[in-house]
Amino acid sequence: MINNITSMELRPQMSVAKATPSLSSMSMPAIIGFKTPQLKEKALIRVKKIKRGDNIIIPGEIDEDYVDIVEEEIEYTGKYKDIQYDTGGGNFFASGKSPTLFTPRTYKRKTKYLKNCYIIDYIQSPKPKSGLGTEAIKQLAEKAMFDNRAEGRIVTFSAPVMKEASPALFFYKLGFRFTNPESNAALEECLKNNMPDIPPQIGMMYLPKNRINKLFHY
């Protein structure tokens, strides 16, 4: 028999594994319209917590849920007065000093002490009229509402910083009110006539609880 196969490869055939692209290395199509979100700017705000034990006295008018009203008994004593008396030198109406003592008495005074609350020391937005300052106040109000001690109470002291406008109108629009009714009337006039706060109103402002909803919807 004639065998036409002149040579035969006797070694067993070995299969060689070939690298296949993984799912992670496969090119993904671009997502149309997707952009990397930019970091949101925030207003700079400095806040402190006030405790009832700090015994901060509040003058003026403020909601009762902001203060503890304590009736205190104040004692006062007598003092010297100028009187006319005879010195024996011939001048019957000569002037002199003689001790006139009053009987020590007391009187009652009601003092308003600030309860636990947050106080805004400073706030500044990187961009004017951008809403960043308002957003910072809203976040603080939400934090104060969930604070069992502060119970939503926030105060601040409105005073213009050098070369900066007065913050009074900003806080007033968000619902804050002065403890001085005359200052509130002045700001109402400014808003009514679209006028700046000149001269600036200075004093303590607080956020009444019945105006918190107005703040969140501002």
N, C-alpha and C. Protein backbone atom coordinates (compact mmCIF):
# COMPACT_ATOMS: atom_id res chain seq x y z
N MET A 1 0.87 -1.18 0.00
CA MET A 1 0.00 0.00 0.00
C MET A 1 0.90 1.22 0.00
N ILE A 2 0.54 2.05 -0.85
CA ILE A 2 1.34 3.27 -0.99
C ILE A 2 0.73 4.32 -0.09
N ASN A 3 1.54 4.88 0.78
CA ASN A 3 1.10 5.93 1.69
C ASN A 3 1.58 7.26 1.14
N ASN A 4 0.61 8.06 0.76
CA ASN A 4 0.98 9.37 0.20
C ASN A 4 1.42 10.38 1.26
N ILE A 5 1.19 10.11 2.57
CA ILE A 5 1.61 11.03 3.64
C ILE A 5 3.07 10.79 3.91
N THR A 6 3.86 11.71 3.48
CA THR A 6 5.30 11.53 3.62
C THR A 6 5.77 11.79 5.03
N SER A 7 5.08 12.69 5.77
CA SER A 7 5.50 12.98 7.16
C SER A 7 4.26 13.23 8.02
N MET A 8 4.39 12.91 9.29
CA MET A 8 3.25 13.06 10.20
C MET A 8 3.77 13.68 11.51
N GLU A 9 3.03 14.68 11.94
CA GLU A 9 3.40 15.32 13.21
C GLU A 9 2.81 14.49 14.32
N LEU A 10 3.67 13.83 15.08
CA LEU A 10 3.24 12.94 16.13
C LEU A 10 2.98 13.66 17.45
N ARG A 11 3.50 14.92 17.61
CA ARG A 11 3.29 15.64 18.88
C ARG A 11 1.84 16.08 19.01
N PRO A 12 1.26 15.92 20.19
CA PRO A 12 -0.16 16.31 20.36
C PRO A 12 -0.33 17.83 20.19
N GLN A 13 -1.41 18.21 19.59
CA GLN A 13 -1.69 19.63 19.38
C GLN A 13 -2.16 20.26 20.69
N MET A 14 -1.58 21.40 21.03
CA MET A 14 -1.93 22.11 22.27
C MET A 14 -2.64 23.41 21.89
N SER A 15 -3.73 23.63 22.57
CA SER A 15 -4.47 24.86 22.29
C SER A 15 -3.86 26.00 23.09
N VAL A 16 -3.69 27.13 22.47
CA VAL A 16 -3.09 28.31 23.09
C VAL A 16 -4.20 29.28 23.45
N ALA A 17 -4.23 29.68 24.75
CA ALA A 17 -5.25 30.63 25.20
C ALA A 17 -4.91 32.04 24.74
N LYS A 18 -5.87 32.69 24.18
CA LYS A 18 -5.67 34.06 23.72
C LYS A 18 -6.39 35.02 24.65
N ALA A 19 -5.74 36.15 24.90
CA ALA A 19 -6.34 37.15 25.80
C ALA A 19 -7.54 37.81 25.13
N THR A 20 -8.62 37.91 25.89
CA THR A 20 -9.83 38.57 25.38
C THR A 20 -10.07 39.83 26.21
N PRO A 21 -10.55 40.86 25.61
CA PRO A 21 -10.77 42.11 26.36
C PRO A 21 -11.82 41.94 27.44
N SER A 22 -11.53 42.45 28.67
CA SER A 22 -12.48 42.38 29.77
C SER A 22 -13.52 43.48 29.63
N LEU A 23 -14.57 43.31 30.42
CA LEU A 23 -15.64 44.31 30.35
C LEU A 23 -15.15 45.67 30.82
N SER A 24 -14.23 45.64 31.79
CA SER A 24 -13.74 46.90 32.33
C SER A 24 -12.82 47.62 31.37
N SER A 25 -12.17 46.83 30.46
CA SER A 25 -11.23 47.46 29.54
C SER A 25 -11.89 47.85 28.23
N MET A 26 -13.14 47.44 28.07
CA MET A 26 -13.82 47.78 26.83
C MET A 26 -14.22 49.25 26.84
N SER A 27 -14.10 49.92 25.78
CA SER A 27 -14.43 51.34 25.69
C SER A 27 -15.93 51.52 25.84
N MET A 28 -16.31 52.48 26.73
CA MET A 28 -17.70 52.76 26.97
C MET A 28 -18.11 53.99 26.17
N PRO A 29 -19.29 53.97 25.64
CA PRO A 29 -19.74 55.15 24.89
C PRO A 29 -19.95 56.34 25.82
N ALA A 30 -19.68 57.54 25.37
CA ALA A 30 -19.83 58.75 26.17
C ALA A 30 -21.29 59.02 26.47
N ILE A 31 -21.54 59.48 27.70
CA ILE A 31 -22.90 59.83 28.09
C ILE A 31 -23.19 61.25 27.63
N ILE A 32 -24.14 61.36 26.76
CA ILE A 32 -24.44 62.66 26.16
C ILE A 32 -25.03 63.58 27.21
N GLY A 33 -24.50 64.79 27.30
CA GLY A 33 -25.04 65.81 28.19
C GLY A 33 -24.57 65.71 29.64
N PHE A 34 -23.69 64.77 29.97
CA PHE A 34 -23.23 64.62 31.36
C PHE A 34 -22.01 65.49 31.59
N LYS A 35 -22.04 66.24 32.69
CA LYS A 35 -20.90 67.06 33.08
C LYS A 35 -20.59 66.82 34.56
N THR A 36 -19.32 66.90 34.89
CA THR A 36 -18.93 66.75 36.29
C THR A 36 -19.46 67.93 37.09
N PRO A 37 -20.25 67.66 38.16
CA PRO A 37 -20.82 68.79 38.93
C PRO A 37 -19.74 69.58 39.63
N GLN A 38 -19.87 70.90 39.60
CA GLN A 38 -18.92 71.77 40.26
C GLN A 38 -19.26 71.88 41.74
N LEU A 39 -18.23 72.14 42.53
CA LEU A 39 -18.44 72.32 43.96
C LEU A 39 -19.24 73.59 44.20
N LYS A 40 -20.30 73.49 44.98
CA LYS A 40 -21.17 74.63 45.25
C LYS A 40 -20.52 75.54 46.28
N GLU A 41 -20.51 76.83 45.96
CA GLU A 41 -19.96 77.80 46.90
C GLU A 41 -20.91 77.98 48.07
N LYS A 42 -20.36 78.34 49.20
CA LYS A 42 -21.16 78.54 50.39
C LYS A 42 -20.80 79.87 51.04
N ALA A 43 -21.77 80.41 51.74
CA ALA A 43 -21.53 81.63 52.49
C ALA A 43 -20.75 81.30 53.76
N LEU A 44 -19.92 82.21 54.18
CA LEU A 44 -19.17 82.04 55.42
C LEU A 44 -20.04 82.52 56.57
N ILE A 45 -20.31 81.64 57.52
CA ILE A 45 -21.15 81.99 58.65
C ILE A 45 -20.51 81.46 59.92
N ARG A 46 -20.44 82.33 60.93
CA ARG A 46 -19.89 81.93 62.24
C ARG A 46 -21.02 81.98 63.26
N VAL A 47 -21.21 80.89 63.95
CA VAL A 47 -22.34 80.74 64.88
C VAL A 47 -21.82 80.24 66.22
N LYS A 48 -22.41 80.73 67.29
CA LYS A 48 -22.12 80.25 68.64
C LYS A 48 -23.42 79.83 69.31
N LYS A 49 -23.28 79.03 70.37
CA LYS A 49 -24.45 78.62 71.15
C LYS A 49 -24.45 79.38 72.47
N ILE A 50 -25.59 79.97 72.77
CA ILE A 50 -25.77 80.69 74.03
C ILE A 50 -26.52 79.78 74.99
N LYS A 51 -26.06 79.74 76.25
CA LYS A 51 -26.72 78.95 77.27
C LYS A 51 -27.49 79.86 78.24
N ARG A 52 -28.53 79.28 78.81
CA ARG A 52 -29.32 80.04 79.78
C ARG A 52 -28.45 80.48 80.96
N GLY A 53 -27.49 79.64 81.32
CA GLY A 53 -26.62 79.95 82.44
C GLY A 53 -25.69 81.12 82.21
N ASP A 54 -25.59 81.60 80.96
CA ASP A 54 -24.76 82.77 80.69
C ASP A 54 -25.38 84.05 81.23
N ASN A 55 -26.68 83.98 81.59
CA ASN A 55 -27.39 85.11 82.21
C ASN A 55 -27.28 86.39 81.38
N ILE A 56 -27.61 86.28 80.11
CA ILE A 56 -27.62 87.45 79.23
C ILE A 56 -28.97 88.14 79.36
N ILE A 57 -28.94 89.40 79.80
CA ILE A 57 -30.17 90.18 80.00
C ILE A 57 -30.60 90.80 78.68
N ILE A 58 -31.88 90.68 78.36
CA ILE A 58 -32.43 91.21 77.12
C ILE A 58 -33.29 92.43 77.42
N PRO A 59 -32.89 93.61 76.93
CA PRO A 59 -33.77 94.77 77.04
C PRO A 59 -34.72 94.81 75.85
N GLY A 60 -35.72 95.64 75.92
CA GLY A 60 -36.63 95.78 74.80
C GLY A 60 -37.70 94.70 74.76
N GLU A 61 -38.34 94.57 73.60
CA GLU A 61 -39.45 93.65 73.43
C GLU A 61 -38.99 92.41 72.65
N ILE A 62 -39.34 91.24 73.19
CA ILE A 62 -38.97 89.98 72.56
C ILE A 62 -40.01 88.94 72.94
N ASP A 63 -40.20 87.95 72.08
CA ASP A 63 -41.20 86.91 72.37
C ASP A 63 -40.85 86.19 73.67
N GLU A 64 -41.89 85.82 74.40
CA GLU A 64 -41.68 85.21 75.71
C GLU A 64 -40.98 83.87 75.64
N ASP A 65 -41.11 83.14 74.51
CA ASP A 65 -40.45 81.84 74.43
C ASP A 65 -38.95 81.98 74.20
N TYR A 66 -38.45 83.20 74.10
CA TYR A 66 -37.02 83.44 73.96
C TYR A 66 -36.33 83.71 75.30
N VAL A 67 -37.11 84.02 76.32
CA VAL A 67 -36.52 84.46 77.59
C VAL A 67 -37.17 83.79 78.78
N ASP A 68 -36.42 83.75 79.86
CA ASP A 68 -36.95 83.42 81.19
C ASP A 68 -37.15 84.74 81.92
N ILE A 69 -38.38 85.01 82.33
CA ILE A 69 -38.67 86.24 83.05
C ILE A 69 -38.59 85.95 84.55
N VAL A 70 -37.62 86.57 85.20
CA VAL A 70 -37.37 86.33 86.62
C VAL A 70 -37.69 87.61 87.40
N GLU A 71 -38.51 87.47 88.43
CA GLU A 71 -38.82 88.60 89.29
C GLU A 71 -37.80 88.67 90.41
N GLU A 72 -37.03 89.73 90.42
CA GLU A 72 -35.93 89.88 91.38
C GLU A 72 -36.26 91.01 92.36
N GLU A 73 -35.79 90.84 93.59
CA GLU A 73 -36.00 91.85 94.62
C GLU A 73 -34.71 92.64 94.80
N ILE A 74 -34.80 93.95 94.50
CA ILE A 74 -33.63 94.82 94.55
C ILE A 74 -33.71 95.69 95.81
N GLU A 75 -32.61 95.74 96.55
CA GLU A 75 -32.57 96.53 97.78
C GLU A 75 -31.76 97.79 97.58
N TYR A 76 -32.26 98.93 98.05
CA TYR A 76 -31.50 100.17 98.01
C TYR A 76 -31.54 100.83 99.39
N THR A 77 -30.49 101.58 99.69
CA THR A 77 -30.35 102.22 101.00
C THR A 77 -30.36 103.73 100.84
N GLY A 78 -30.27 104.43 102.01
CA GLY A 78 -30.33 105.88 102.00
C GLY A 78 -29.05 106.50 101.49
N LYS A 79 -29.05 107.83 101.36
CA LYS A 79 -27.90 108.57 100.87
C LYS A 79 -27.89 109.94 101.53
N TYR A 80 -26.81 110.65 101.40
CA TYR A 80 -26.69 111.99 101.98
C TYR A 80 -27.39 113.00 101.08
N LYS A 81 -27.98 114.01 101.72
CA LYS A 81 -28.63 115.09 100.97
C LYS A 81 -28.14 116.44 101.50
N ASP A 82 -28.16 117.44 100.62
CA ASP A 82 -27.86 118.79 101.05
C ASP A 82 -29.08 119.38 101.75
N ILE A 83 -28.91 119.89 103.00
CA ILE A 83 -30.02 120.49 103.74
C ILE A 83 -29.58 121.82 104.31
N GLN A 84 -30.50 122.62 104.77
CA GLN A 84 -30.21 123.90 105.43
C GLN A 84 -30.33 123.71 106.94
N TYR A 85 -29.34 124.16 107.68
CA TYR A 85 -29.42 124.06 109.14
C TYR A 85 -28.62 125.20 109.77
N ASP A 86 -28.86 125.50 111.02
CA ASP A 86 -28.22 126.60 111.74
C ASP A 86 -26.89 126.12 112.30
N THR A 87 -25.84 126.80 111.90
CA THR A 87 -24.50 126.42 112.37
C THR A 87 -24.13 127.11 113.67
N GLY A 88 -24.98 128.04 114.14
CA GLY A 88 -24.67 128.76 115.39
C GLY A 88 -23.78 129.95 115.17
N GLY A 89 -23.43 130.25 113.94
CA GLY A 89 -22.55 131.38 113.66
C GLY A 89 -23.30 132.62 113.22
N GLY A 90 -24.57 132.65 113.39
CA GLY A 90 -25.32 133.83 113.04
C GLY A 90 -26.01 133.72 111.69
N ASN A 91 -25.54 132.84 110.86
CA ASN A 91 -26.17 132.65 109.55
C ASN A 91 -27.08 131.45 109.64
N PHE A 92 -28.35 131.71 109.84
CA PHE A 92 -29.30 130.64 110.09
C PHE A 92 -29.46 129.72 108.89
N PHE A 93 -29.27 130.32 107.69
CA PHE A 93 -29.49 129.53 106.48
C PHE A 93 -28.18 129.06 105.84
N ALA A 94 -27.17 128.93 106.65
CA ALA A 94 -25.91 128.43 106.11
C ALA A 94 -26.11 127.02 105.56
N SER A 95 -25.38 126.72 104.48
CA SER A 95 -25.54 125.42 103.81
C SER A 95 -24.55 124.42 104.40
N GLY A 96 -25.00 123.23 104.56
CA GLY A 96 -24.11 122.18 105.03
C GLY A 96 -24.64 120.82 104.64
N LYS A 97 -23.92 119.80 105.00
CA LYS A 97 -24.33 118.43 104.70
C LYS A 97 -24.65 117.70 105.98
N SER A 98 -25.80 117.09 106.02
CA SER A 98 -26.19 116.33 107.19
C SER A 98 -26.74 115.00 106.72
N PRO A 99 -26.36 113.92 107.35
CA PRO A 99 -26.84 112.62 106.89
C PRO A 99 -28.33 112.45 107.12
N THR A 100 -29.04 112.19 106.02
CA THR A 100 -30.46 111.88 106.11
C THR A 100 -30.63 110.46 105.61
N LEU A 101 -30.86 109.53 106.47
CA LEU A 101 -30.92 108.12 106.10
C LEU A 101 -32.36 107.70 105.85
N PHE A 102 -32.54 107.04 104.72
CA PHE A 102 -33.84 106.45 104.44
C PHE A 102 -33.87 105.05 105.03
N THR A 103 -35.04 104.63 105.37
CA THR A 103 -35.20 103.26 105.83
C THR A 103 -34.96 102.32 104.65
N PRO A 104 -34.06 101.35 104.76
CA PRO A 104 -33.80 100.42 103.65
C PRO A 104 -35.09 99.78 103.15
N ARG A 105 -35.28 99.88 101.86
CA ARG A 105 -36.46 99.31 101.25
C ARG A 105 -36.06 98.48 100.04
N THR A 106 -36.97 97.71 99.53
CA THR A 106 -36.73 96.89 98.34
C THR A 106 -37.83 97.13 97.33
N TYR A 107 -37.49 96.88 96.10
CA TYR A 107 -38.49 96.94 95.04
C TYR A 107 -38.27 95.74 94.12
N LYS A 108 -39.32 95.33 93.43
CA LYS A 108 -39.26 94.16 92.57
C LYS A 108 -39.06 94.58 91.11
N ARG A 109 -38.22 93.82 90.44
CA ARG A 109 -37.91 94.10 89.04
C ARG A 109 -37.95 92.81 88.25
N LYS A 110 -38.60 92.87 87.09
CA LYS A 110 -38.65 91.70 86.22
C LYS A 110 -37.52 91.78 85.20
N THR A 111 -36.69 90.74 85.20
CA THR A 111 -35.53 90.69 84.32
C THR A 111 -35.70 89.56 83.31
N LYS A 112 -35.39 89.84 82.05
CA LYS A 112 -35.51 88.84 80.99
C LYS A 112 -34.14 88.28 80.65
N TYR A 113 -33.97 86.97 80.88
CA TYR A 113 -32.72 86.29 80.59
C TYR A 113 -32.89 85.42 79.34
N LEU A 114 -31.94 85.54 78.43
CA LEU A 114 -32.00 84.81 77.17
C LEU A 114 -31.87 83.31 77.39
N LYS A 115 -32.75 82.54 76.77
CA LYS A 115 -32.69 81.08 76.86
C LYS A 115 -31.63 80.51 75.91
N ASN A 116 -31.48 79.19 75.94
CA ASN A 116 -30.54 78.53 75.03
C ASN A 116 -30.91 78.86 73.59
N CYS A 117 -29.93 79.26 72.81
CA CYS A 117 -30.20 79.63 71.42
C CYS A 117 -28.89 79.67 70.64
N TYR A 118 -29.01 79.89 69.34
CA TYR A 118 -27.86 80.11 68.47
C TYR A 118 -27.74 81.61 68.22
N ILE A 119 -26.51 82.10 68.18
CA ILE A 119 -26.28 83.50 67.85
C ILE A 119 -25.34 83.59 66.66
N ILE A 120 -25.74 84.36 65.67
CA ILE A 120 -24.95 84.54 64.45
C ILE A 120 -23.95 85.66 64.70
N ASP A 121 -22.67 85.32 64.70
CA ASP A 121 -21.62 86.32 64.90
C ASP A 121 -21.28 87.05 63.60
N TYR A 122 -21.29 86.29 62.50
CA TYR A 122 -20.82 86.87 61.24
C TYR A 122 -21.34 86.04 60.08
N ILE A 123 -21.69 86.71 58.99
CA ILE A 123 -22.08 86.00 57.77
C ILE A 123 -21.66 86.85 56.57
N GLN A 124 -21.09 86.19 55.58
CA GLN A 124 -20.67 86.88 54.36
C GLN A 124 -20.77 85.92 53.20
N SER A 125 -21.37 86.38 52.10
CA SER A 125 -21.54 85.57 50.91
C SER A 125 -20.42 85.88 49.92
N PRO A 126 -19.89 84.86 49.21
CA PRO A 126 -18.84 85.13 48.22
C PRO A 126 -19.36 85.92 47.03
N LYS A 127 -20.67 85.84 46.79
CA LYS A 127 -21.28 86.57 45.69
C LYS A 127 -22.51 87.31 46.22
N PRO A 128 -22.59 88.61 46.03
CA PRO A 128 -23.76 89.36 46.51
C PRO A 128 -25.02 88.98 45.73
N LYS A 129 -26.12 88.94 46.45
CA LYS A 129 -27.44 88.66 45.86
C LYS A 129 -27.47 87.35 45.08
N SER A 130 -26.75 86.36 45.60
CA SER A 130 -26.72 85.04 44.95
C SER A 130 -27.58 84.02 45.67
N GLY A 131 -28.12 84.37 46.84
CA GLY A 131 -28.93 83.45 47.61
C GLY A 131 -28.14 82.55 48.54
N LEU A 132 -26.81 82.67 48.51
CA LEU A 132 -25.99 81.79 49.35
C LEU A 132 -26.13 82.16 50.83
N GLY A 133 -26.24 83.44 51.12
CA GLY A 133 -26.44 83.85 52.51
C GLY A 133 -27.78 83.38 53.05
N THR A 134 -28.82 83.50 52.21
CA THR A 134 -30.15 83.03 52.61
C THR A 134 -30.14 81.53 52.86
N GLU A 135 -29.45 80.79 52.00
CA GLU A 135 -29.38 79.33 52.16
C GLU A 135 -28.68 78.96 53.46
N ALA A 136 -27.65 79.72 53.83
CA ALA A 136 -26.94 79.45 55.08
C ALA A 136 -27.84 79.68 56.29
N ILE A 137 -28.67 80.72 56.25
CA ILE A 137 -29.60 81.00 57.35
C ILE A 137 -30.66 79.92 57.43
N LYS A 138 -31.13 79.44 56.29
CA LYS A 138 -32.13 78.37 56.28
C LYS A 138 -31.58 77.10 56.91
N GLN A 139 -30.34 76.76 56.57
CA GLN A 139 -29.73 75.56 57.15
C GLN A 139 -29.56 75.70 58.65
N LEU A 140 -29.20 76.89 59.10
CA LEU A 140 -29.07 77.12 60.54
C LEU A 140 -30.42 77.02 61.23
N ALA A 141 -31.47 77.57 60.62
CA ALA A 141 -32.81 77.50 61.21
C ALA A 141 -33.28 76.06 61.33
N GLU A 142 -32.99 75.25 60.32
CA GLU A 142 -33.37 73.84 60.37
C GLU A 142 -32.62 73.11 61.49
N LYS A 143 -31.34 73.44 61.63
CA LYS A 143 -30.55 72.83 62.71
C LYS A 143 -31.08 73.25 64.07
N ALA A 144 -31.45 74.52 64.21
CA ALA A 144 -31.95 75.02 65.49
C ALA A 144 -33.30 74.38 65.84
N MET A 145 -34.12 74.10 64.84
CA MET A 145 -35.43 73.50 65.10
C MET A 145 -35.30 72.09 65.65
N PHE A 146 -34.27 71.35 65.22
CA PHE A 146 -34.08 69.98 65.68
C PHE A 146 -33.20 69.91 66.92
N ASP A 147 -32.79 71.06 67.43
CA ASP A 147 -32.01 71.11 68.67
C ASP A 147 -32.99 71.21 69.84
N ASN A 148 -32.99 70.20 70.70
CA ASN A 148 -33.96 70.15 71.80
C ASN A 148 -33.78 71.28 72.80
N ARG A 149 -32.61 71.86 72.85
CA ARG A 149 -32.37 72.96 73.79
C ARG A 149 -32.64 74.32 73.16
N ALA A 150 -32.18 74.49 71.94
CA ALA A 150 -32.39 75.79 71.27
C ALA A 150 -33.85 75.97 70.84
N GLU A 151 -34.50 74.87 70.43
CA GLU A 151 -35.91 74.89 70.04
C GLU A 151 -36.21 75.97 69.00
N GLY A 152 -35.30 76.11 68.04
CA GLY A 152 -35.53 77.03 66.93
C GLY A 152 -35.13 78.46 67.19
N ARG A 153 -34.57 78.78 68.35
CA ARG A 153 -34.25 80.17 68.68
C ARG A 153 -32.92 80.59 68.05
N ILE A 154 -32.95 81.72 67.34
CA ILE A 154 -31.75 82.29 66.70
C ILE A 154 -31.76 83.79 66.93
N VAL A 155 -30.63 84.34 67.35
CA VAL A 155 -30.49 85.78 67.51
C VAL A 155 -29.24 86.24 66.80
N THR A 156 -29.14 87.54 66.59
CA THR A 156 -27.95 88.14 66.01
C THR A 156 -27.90 89.59 66.44
N PHE A 157 -26.76 90.21 66.23
CA PHE A 157 -26.61 91.63 66.56
C PHE A 157 -26.28 92.35 65.27
N SER A 158 -27.19 93.19 64.83
CA SER A 158 -27.02 93.89 63.56
C SER A 158 -26.15 95.13 63.76
N ALA A 159 -24.99 95.11 63.15
CA ALA A 159 -24.09 96.27 63.19
C ALA A 159 -23.27 96.25 61.91
N PRO A 160 -23.24 97.36 61.18
CA PRO A 160 -22.49 97.38 59.92
C PRO A 160 -21.00 97.27 60.16
N VAL A 161 -20.35 96.43 59.35
CA VAL A 161 -18.89 96.32 59.39
C VAL A 161 -18.32 97.42 58.51
N MET A 162 -17.12 97.87 58.83
CA MET A 162 -16.51 98.94 58.06
C MET A 162 -16.45 98.59 56.57
N LYS A 163 -16.87 99.53 55.73
CA LYS A 163 -16.88 99.41 54.28
C LYS A 163 -17.89 98.38 53.79
N GLU A 164 -18.80 97.94 54.64
CA GLU A 164 -19.83 97.00 54.23
C GLU A 164 -21.19 97.55 54.60
N ALA A 165 -22.20 97.14 53.86
CA ALA A 165 -23.55 97.62 54.11
C ALA A 165 -24.11 97.00 55.39
N SER A 166 -25.13 97.65 55.92
CA SER A 166 -25.77 97.13 57.13
C SER A 166 -26.50 95.84 56.81
N PRO A 167 -26.39 94.83 57.68
CA PRO A 167 -27.09 93.55 57.43
C PRO A 167 -28.54 93.57 57.90
N ALA A 168 -29.01 94.69 58.46
CA ALA A 168 -30.33 94.72 59.07
C ALA A 168 -31.44 94.38 58.08
N LEU A 169 -31.40 94.97 56.89
CA LEU A 169 -32.45 94.70 55.89
C LEU A 169 -32.42 93.25 55.43
N PHE A 170 -31.23 92.68 55.32
CA PHE A 170 -31.11 91.27 54.92
C PHE A 170 -31.82 90.37 55.93
N PHE A 171 -31.54 90.57 57.21
CA PHE A 171 -32.18 89.75 58.24
C PHE A 171 -33.67 90.06 58.35
N TYR A 172 -34.03 91.32 58.17
CA TYR A 172 -35.45 91.69 58.30
C TYR A 172 -36.29 91.02 57.22
N LYS A 173 -35.77 90.95 56.00
CA LYS A 173 -36.50 90.30 54.91
C LYS A 173 -36.70 88.80 55.18
N LEU A 174 -35.77 88.21 55.91
CA LEU A 174 -35.88 86.78 56.22
C LEU A 174 -36.77 86.50 57.42
N GLY A 175 -37.27 87.55 58.07
CA GLY A 175 -38.19 87.36 59.18
C GLY A 175 -37.67 87.79 60.53
N PHE A 176 -36.41 88.16 60.63
CA PHE A 176 -35.85 88.61 61.90
C PHE A 176 -36.46 89.96 62.29
N ARG A 177 -36.53 90.20 63.59
CA ARG A 177 -37.07 91.46 64.09
C ARG A 177 -36.18 92.00 65.20
N PHE A 178 -36.14 93.34 65.30
CA PHE A 178 -35.41 94.00 66.37
C PHE A 178 -36.19 93.90 67.68
N THR A 179 -35.48 93.99 68.78
CA THR A 179 -36.16 94.09 70.08
C THR A 179 -36.64 95.51 70.32
N ASN A 180 -36.23 96.43 69.45
CA ASN A 180 -36.67 97.82 69.53
C ASN A 180 -37.73 98.06 68.46
N PRO A 181 -38.99 98.32 68.83
CA PRO A 181 -40.06 98.52 67.83
C PRO A 181 -39.78 99.67 66.87
N GLU A 182 -39.08 100.71 67.31
CA GLU A 182 -38.79 101.84 66.44
C GLU A 182 -37.88 101.43 65.29
N SER A 183 -36.95 100.54 65.55
CA SER A 183 -36.06 100.06 64.48
C SER A 183 -36.85 99.24 63.45
N ASN A 184 -37.79 98.44 63.92
CA ASN A 184 -38.64 97.67 62.99
C ASN A 184 -39.47 98.61 62.11
N ALA A 185 -39.99 99.68 62.70
CA ALA A 185 -40.77 100.65 61.93
C ALA A 185 -39.91 101.33 60.88
N ALA A 186 -38.65 101.62 61.22
CA ALA A 186 -37.75 102.26 60.27
C ALA A 186 -37.46 101.35 59.08
N LEU A 187 -37.28 100.06 59.33
CA LEU A 187 -37.01 99.12 58.24
C LEU A 187 -38.25 98.90 57.38
N GLU A 188 -39.42 98.91 57.99
CA GLU A 188 -40.65 98.80 57.20
C GLU A 188 -40.76 99.97 56.24
N GLU A 189 -40.36 101.15 56.68
CA GLU A 189 -40.39 102.33 55.82
C GLU A 189 -39.38 102.20 54.69
N CYS A 190 -38.22 101.63 54.99
CA CYS A 190 -37.21 101.41 53.95
C CYS A 190 -37.72 100.47 52.87
N LEU A 191 -38.37 99.38 53.27
CA LEU A 191 -38.89 98.43 52.30
C LEU A 191 -40.04 99.03 51.49
N LYS A 192 -40.86 99.79 52.15
CA LYS A 192 -42.01 100.39 51.47
C LYS A 192 -41.59 101.37 50.39
N ASN A 193 -40.56 102.15 50.67
CA ASN A 193 -40.10 103.18 49.74
C ASN A 193 -38.86 102.78 48.96
N ASN A 194 -38.47 101.49 49.09
CA ASN A 194 -37.30 100.97 48.37
C ASN A 194 -36.06 101.83 48.67
N MET A 195 -35.82 102.06 49.94
CA MET A 195 -34.70 102.89 50.37
C MET A 195 -33.68 102.05 51.12
N PRO A 196 -32.40 102.46 51.10
CA PRO A 196 -31.39 101.74 51.90
C PRO A 196 -31.55 102.05 53.38
N ASP A 197 -30.93 101.23 54.19
CA ASP A 197 -31.00 101.39 55.63
C ASP A 197 -29.98 102.43 56.06
N ILE A 198 -30.32 103.71 55.90
CA ILE A 198 -29.42 104.82 56.24
C ILE A 198 -30.20 105.83 57.08
N PRO A 199 -29.73 106.16 58.29
CA PRO A 199 -28.60 105.54 58.99
C PRO A 199 -28.94 104.11 59.40
N PRO A 200 -27.93 103.26 59.49
CA PRO A 200 -28.21 101.84 59.77
C PRO A 200 -28.78 101.62 61.15
N GLN A 201 -29.72 100.70 61.22
CA GLN A 201 -30.30 100.32 62.51
C GLN A 201 -29.36 99.34 63.20
N ILE A 202 -29.12 99.57 64.47
CA ILE A 202 -28.18 98.76 65.24
C ILE A 202 -28.90 98.19 66.46
N GLY A 203 -28.66 96.93 66.74
CA GLY A 203 -29.24 96.33 67.92
C GLY A 203 -29.45 94.83 67.75
N MET A 204 -30.02 94.22 68.76
CA MET A 204 -30.28 92.78 68.73
C MET A 204 -31.49 92.46 67.88
N MET A 205 -31.37 91.40 67.07
CA MET A 205 -32.48 90.90 66.27
C MET A 205 -32.69 89.43 66.60
N TYR A 206 -33.91 88.96 66.47
CA TYR A 206 -34.22 87.56 66.74
C TYR A 206 -35.23 87.08 65.70
N LEU A 207 -35.30 85.76 65.54
CA LEU A 207 -36.21 85.15 64.58
C LEU A 207 -37.43 84.62 65.31
N PRO A 208 -38.58 85.32 65.26
CA PRO A 208 -39.79 84.80 65.90
C PRO A 208 -40.19 83.46 65.28
N LYS A 209 -40.69 82.58 66.11
CA LYS A 209 -41.04 81.24 65.62
C LYS A 209 -42.18 81.28 64.60
N ASN A 210 -43.04 82.28 64.70
CA ASN A 210 -44.14 82.35 63.74
C ASN A 210 -43.68 82.86 62.38
N ARG A 211 -42.40 83.17 62.24
CA ARG A 211 -41.86 83.62 60.96
C ARG A 211 -40.88 82.62 60.34
N ILE A 212 -40.72 81.47 60.98
CA ILE A 212 -39.78 80.48 60.45
C ILE A 212 -40.26 79.94 59.10
N ASN A 213 -41.57 79.70 58.97
CA ASN A 213 -42.10 79.21 57.69
C ASN A 213 -41.86 80.21 56.58
N LYS A 214 -41.95 81.50 56.89
CA LYS A 214 -41.67 82.53 55.90
C LYS A 214 -40.23 82.44 55.44
N LEU A 215 -39.34 82.15 56.36
CA LEU A 215 -37.93 82.01 56.00
C LEU A 215 -37.72 80.86 55.04
N PHE A 216 -38.33 79.69 55.33
CA PHE A 216 -38.13 78.53 54.47
C PHE A 216 -38.75 78.71 53.08
N HIS A 217 -39.73 79.59 52.95
CA HIS A 217 -40.37 79.82 51.65
C HIS A 217 -39.88 81.11 50.98
N TYR A 218 -38.84 81.70 51.56
CA TYR A 218 -38.34 82.96 50.99
C TYR A 218 -37.56 82.68 49.70
